[in-house]
Amino acid sequence: MYVVRTGSIDLMLDETVLTTVSEGEIFGELALIDQVERSATAKARTDCEVLPIDEGKFLYMVHHTPYFSLDLLRIIAGRLRAMNRLL
């Protein structure tokens, strides 16, 4: 998983931009949840800096930060709803 520190990144399926993530937002979280091949490609829209969150840090945040999991679920739900609107 990555946190965007600066810049913006397009999350794409083939050549279609699904969403754009910017400073303070995350992407790549599904790989830490289900360990399945990625569902989209991340492509920098601008110069950017990202902070990697490995599985150990992710699990720490899930266990020790009560609202992290809820925030993560809201992000995933929002992306799912946006995909449903595209379909």
N, C-alpha and C. Protein backbone atom coordinates (compact mmCIF):
# COMPACT_ATOMS: atom_id res chain seq x y z
N MET A 1 0.86 -1.17 0.00
CA MET A 1 0.00 0.00 0.00
C MET A 1 0.91 1.23 0.00
N TYR A 2 0.41 2.31 -0.54
CA TYR A 2 1.17 3.56 -0.59
C TYR A 2 0.31 4.73 -0.14
N VAL A 3 0.95 5.68 0.51
CA VAL A 3 0.33 6.96 0.84
C VAL A 3 0.97 8.00 -0.07
N VAL A 4 0.17 8.80 -0.73
CA VAL A 4 0.70 9.85 -1.60
C VAL A 4 1.09 11.03 -0.72
N ARG A 5 2.37 11.33 -0.69
CA ARG A 5 2.86 12.48 0.09
C ARG A 5 2.75 13.76 -0.71
N THR A 6 3.14 13.70 -1.98
CA THR A 6 3.02 14.86 -2.86
C THR A 6 2.63 14.37 -4.25
N GLY A 7 1.96 15.24 -4.99
CA GLY A 7 1.60 14.92 -6.36
C GLY A 7 0.28 14.18 -6.48
N SER A 8 0.06 13.62 -7.67
CA SER A 8 -1.16 12.86 -7.90
C SER A 8 -0.88 11.69 -8.83
N ILE A 9 -1.67 10.64 -8.66
CA ILE A 9 -1.46 9.38 -9.36
C ILE A 9 -2.80 8.90 -9.91
N ASP A 10 -2.81 8.54 -11.19
CA ASP A 10 -4.00 7.96 -11.80
C ASP A 10 -4.00 6.45 -11.56
N LEU A 11 -5.14 5.91 -11.16
CA LEU A 11 -5.33 4.47 -11.06
C LEU A 11 -6.11 4.07 -12.30
N MET A 12 -5.52 3.19 -13.10
CA MET A 12 -6.04 2.92 -14.43
C MET A 12 -6.31 1.44 -14.66
N LEU A 13 -7.29 1.18 -15.52
CA LEU A 13 -7.56 -0.15 -16.03
C LEU A 13 -7.42 -0.04 -17.53
N ASP A 14 -6.43 -0.72 -18.06
CA ASP A 14 -6.05 -0.55 -19.46
C ASP A 14 -5.71 0.93 -19.66
N GLU A 15 -6.43 1.63 -20.52
CA GLU A 15 -6.15 3.06 -20.75
C GLU A 15 -7.19 3.96 -20.09
N THR A 16 -8.08 3.39 -19.29
CA THR A 16 -9.15 4.16 -18.65
C THR A 16 -8.74 4.56 -17.24
N VAL A 17 -8.83 5.86 -16.95
CA VAL A 17 -8.55 6.34 -15.60
C VAL A 17 -9.78 6.06 -14.74
N LEU A 18 -9.58 5.24 -13.70
CA LEU A 18 -10.67 4.90 -12.79
C LEU A 18 -10.85 5.98 -11.74
N THR A 19 -9.73 6.47 -11.22
CA THR A 19 -9.74 7.53 -10.22
C THR A 19 -8.34 8.13 -10.15
N THR A 20 -8.24 9.27 -9.52
CA THR A 20 -6.95 9.91 -9.28
C THR A 20 -6.80 10.09 -7.78
N VAL A 21 -5.65 9.67 -7.26
CA VAL A 21 -5.36 9.86 -5.84
C VAL A 21 -4.33 10.96 -5.70
N SER A 22 -4.51 11.77 -4.66
CA SER A 22 -3.65 12.93 -4.43
C SER A 22 -3.09 12.89 -3.03
N GLU A 23 -2.43 13.97 -2.66
CA GLU A 23 -1.75 14.08 -1.36
C GLU A 23 -2.64 13.62 -0.21
N GLY A 24 -2.10 12.73 0.62
CA GLY A 24 -2.81 12.23 1.78
C GLY A 24 -3.69 11.03 1.51
N GLU A 25 -3.87 10.67 0.25
CA GLU A 25 -4.71 9.53 -0.09
C GLU A 25 -3.85 8.27 -0.27
N ILE A 26 -4.52 7.12 -0.32
CA ILE A 26 -3.81 5.85 -0.42
C ILE A 26 -4.20 5.10 -1.68
N PHE A 27 -3.35 4.15 -2.06
CA PHE A 27 -3.69 3.21 -3.12
C PHE A 27 -2.88 1.93 -2.87
N GLY A 28 -3.34 0.85 -3.49
CA GLY A 28 -2.66 -0.43 -3.33
C GLY A 28 -3.07 -1.21 -2.09
N GLU A 29 -4.11 -0.77 -1.44
CA GLU A 29 -4.53 -1.40 -0.18
C GLU A 29 -5.08 -2.80 -0.37
N LEU A 30 -5.70 -3.07 -1.51
CA LEU A 30 -6.29 -4.39 -1.71
C LEU A 30 -5.24 -5.50 -1.68
N ALA A 31 -4.06 -5.22 -2.16
CA ALA A 31 -3.01 -6.23 -2.16
C ALA A 31 -2.65 -6.68 -0.75
N LEU A 32 -2.78 -5.78 0.22
CA LEU A 32 -2.49 -6.14 1.61
C LEU A 32 -3.65 -6.87 2.26
N ILE A 33 -4.83 -6.72 1.70
CA ILE A 33 -6.01 -7.35 2.29
C ILE A 33 -6.21 -8.77 1.77
N ASP A 34 -6.13 -8.95 0.46
CA ASP A 34 -6.43 -10.28 -0.07
C ASP A 34 -5.27 -10.97 -0.79
N GLN A 35 -4.14 -10.31 -0.91
CA GLN A 35 -2.93 -10.91 -1.48
C GLN A 35 -3.14 -11.43 -2.91
N VAL A 36 -4.03 -10.78 -3.66
CA VAL A 36 -4.31 -11.16 -5.04
C VAL A 36 -3.66 -10.14 -5.96
N GLU A 37 -3.40 -10.56 -7.18
CA GLU A 37 -2.81 -9.67 -8.17
C GLU A 37 -3.56 -8.34 -8.24
N ARG A 38 -2.84 -7.29 -8.49
CA ARG A 38 -3.43 -5.94 -8.50
C ARG A 38 -4.57 -5.84 -9.51
N SER A 39 -5.51 -4.97 -9.22
CA SER A 39 -6.68 -4.81 -10.07
C SER A 39 -6.59 -3.57 -10.96
N ALA A 40 -5.59 -2.73 -10.73
CA ALA A 40 -5.42 -1.52 -11.53
C ALA A 40 -3.93 -1.18 -11.59
N THR A 41 -3.60 -0.30 -12.51
CA THR A 41 -2.22 0.17 -12.66
C THR A 41 -2.14 1.60 -12.14
N ALA A 42 -1.10 1.89 -11.38
CA ALA A 42 -0.88 3.25 -10.87
C ALA A 42 0.11 3.95 -11.80
N LYS A 43 -0.27 5.14 -12.26
CA LYS A 43 0.58 5.91 -13.17
C LYS A 43 0.65 7.34 -12.67
N ALA A 44 1.87 7.82 -12.41
CA ALA A 44 2.04 9.18 -11.90
C ALA A 44 1.49 10.19 -12.90
N ARG A 45 0.63 11.05 -12.41
CA ARG A 45 0.08 12.14 -13.23
C ARG A 45 1.03 13.34 -13.18
N THR A 46 1.66 13.51 -12.02
CA THR A 46 2.62 14.60 -11.80
C THR A 46 3.84 14.01 -11.10
N ASP A 47 4.86 14.81 -10.91
CA ASP A 47 5.95 14.38 -10.05
C ASP A 47 5.32 14.10 -8.69
N CYS A 48 5.72 13.00 -8.09
CA CYS A 48 5.10 12.68 -6.80
C CYS A 48 6.07 11.92 -5.91
N GLU A 49 5.72 11.90 -4.65
CA GLU A 49 6.45 11.15 -3.64
C GLU A 49 5.43 10.29 -2.91
N VAL A 50 5.74 9.00 -2.78
CA VAL A 50 4.83 8.09 -2.08
C VAL A 50 5.56 7.44 -0.92
N LEU A 51 4.79 7.09 0.09
CA LEU A 51 5.31 6.43 1.27
C LEU A 51 4.78 5.00 1.27
N PRO A 52 5.67 4.00 1.17
CA PRO A 52 5.19 2.62 1.17
C PRO A 52 4.79 2.17 2.58
N ILE A 53 3.71 1.41 2.64
CA ILE A 53 3.24 0.80 3.88
C ILE A 53 3.28 -0.71 3.65
N ASP A 54 4.21 -1.40 4.29
CA ASP A 54 4.30 -2.85 4.11
C ASP A 54 3.29 -3.57 5.00
N GLU A 55 3.24 -4.88 4.89
CA GLU A 55 2.25 -5.64 5.64
C GLU A 55 2.40 -5.48 7.15
N GLY A 56 3.62 -5.42 7.64
CA GLY A 56 3.83 -5.25 9.08
C GLY A 56 3.27 -3.93 9.58
N LYS A 57 3.56 -2.84 8.88
CA LYS A 57 3.03 -1.53 9.26
C LYS A 57 1.51 -1.50 9.14
N PHE A 58 1.00 -2.12 8.08
CA PHE A 58 -0.44 -2.18 7.86
C PHE A 58 -1.13 -2.89 9.02
N LEU A 59 -0.62 -4.05 9.41
CA LEU A 59 -1.22 -4.81 10.51
C LEU A 59 -1.12 -4.04 11.82
N TYR A 60 -0.02 -3.34 12.03
CA TYR A 60 0.12 -2.51 13.23
C TYR A 60 -0.99 -1.46 13.26
N MET A 61 -1.20 -0.80 12.13
CA MET A 61 -2.22 0.25 12.07
C MET A 61 -3.62 -0.32 12.29
N VAL A 62 -3.88 -1.50 11.74
CA VAL A 62 -5.19 -2.14 11.93
C VAL A 62 -5.41 -2.46 13.41
N HIS A 63 -4.38 -2.97 14.08
CA HIS A 63 -4.52 -3.38 15.48
C HIS A 63 -4.49 -2.22 16.48
N HIS A 64 -3.74 -1.17 16.19
CA HIS A 64 -3.50 -0.13 17.18
C HIS A 64 -4.15 1.22 16.89
N THR A 65 -4.75 1.36 15.72
CA THR A 65 -5.40 2.62 15.37
C THR A 65 -6.87 2.32 15.07
N PRO A 66 -7.73 2.55 16.05
CA PRO A 66 -9.13 2.12 15.94
C PRO A 66 -9.86 2.58 14.68
N TYR A 67 -9.64 3.79 14.23
CA TYR A 67 -10.41 4.28 13.09
C TYR A 67 -9.74 4.03 11.75
N PHE A 68 -8.53 3.51 11.74
CA PHE A 68 -7.84 3.23 10.48
C PHE A 68 -8.65 2.25 9.62
N SER A 69 -9.10 1.15 10.23
CA SER A 69 -9.85 0.13 9.47
C SER A 69 -11.14 0.71 8.92
N LEU A 70 -11.84 1.50 9.70
CA LEU A 70 -13.09 2.11 9.25
C LEU A 70 -12.82 3.08 8.10
N ASP A 71 -11.79 3.89 8.22
CA ASP A 71 -11.42 4.80 7.13
C ASP A 71 -11.08 4.03 5.87
N LEU A 72 -10.35 2.94 6.02
CA LEU A 72 -9.96 2.10 4.88
C LEU A 72 -11.20 1.51 4.21
N LEU A 73 -12.13 1.01 5.01
CA LEU A 73 -13.37 0.46 4.45
C LEU A 73 -14.17 1.53 3.71
N ARG A 74 -14.18 2.73 4.22
CA ARG A 74 -14.90 3.83 3.55
C ARG A 74 -14.25 4.16 2.20
N ILE A 75 -12.93 4.12 2.16
CA ILE A 75 -12.23 4.38 0.90
C ILE A 75 -12.58 3.29 -0.12
N ILE A 76 -12.51 2.04 0.31
CA ILE A 76 -12.81 0.92 -0.59
C ILE A 76 -14.26 0.99 -1.05
N ALA A 77 -15.19 1.27 -0.13
CA ALA A 77 -16.60 1.37 -0.49
C ALA A 77 -16.83 2.51 -1.49
N GLY A 78 -16.16 3.63 -1.28
CA GLY A 78 -16.31 4.75 -2.20
C GLY A 78 -15.81 4.40 -3.60
N ARG A 79 -14.71 3.69 -3.67
CA ARG A 79 -14.19 3.28 -4.98
C ARG A 79 -15.11 2.26 -5.64
N LEU A 80 -15.67 1.35 -4.87
CA LEU A 80 -16.61 0.38 -5.41
C LEU A 80 -17.86 1.08 -5.95
N ARG A 81 -18.38 2.02 -5.20
CA ARG A 81 -19.57 2.76 -5.66
C ARG A 81 -19.26 3.55 -6.94
N ALA A 82 -18.07 4.14 -7.00
CA ALA A 82 -17.68 4.88 -8.22
C ALA A 82 -17.58 3.94 -9.41
N MET A 83 -17.06 2.75 -9.21
CA MET A 83 -16.97 1.76 -10.29
C MET A 83 -18.37 1.34 -10.74
N ASN A 84 -19.27 1.16 -9.78
CA ASN A 84 -20.65 0.80 -10.13
C ASN A 84 -21.29 1.87 -10.99
N ARG A 85 -21.00 3.14 -10.69
CA ARG A 85 -21.56 4.24 -11.51
C ARG A 85 -20.99 4.21 -12.93
N LEU A 86 -19.72 3.82 -13.08
CA LEU A 86 -19.11 3.73 -14.41
C LEU A 86 -19.73 2.61 -15.25
N LEU A 87 -20.14 1.57 -14.55
CA LEU A 87 -20.72 0.42 -15.28
C LEU A 87 -22.15 0.73 -15.62
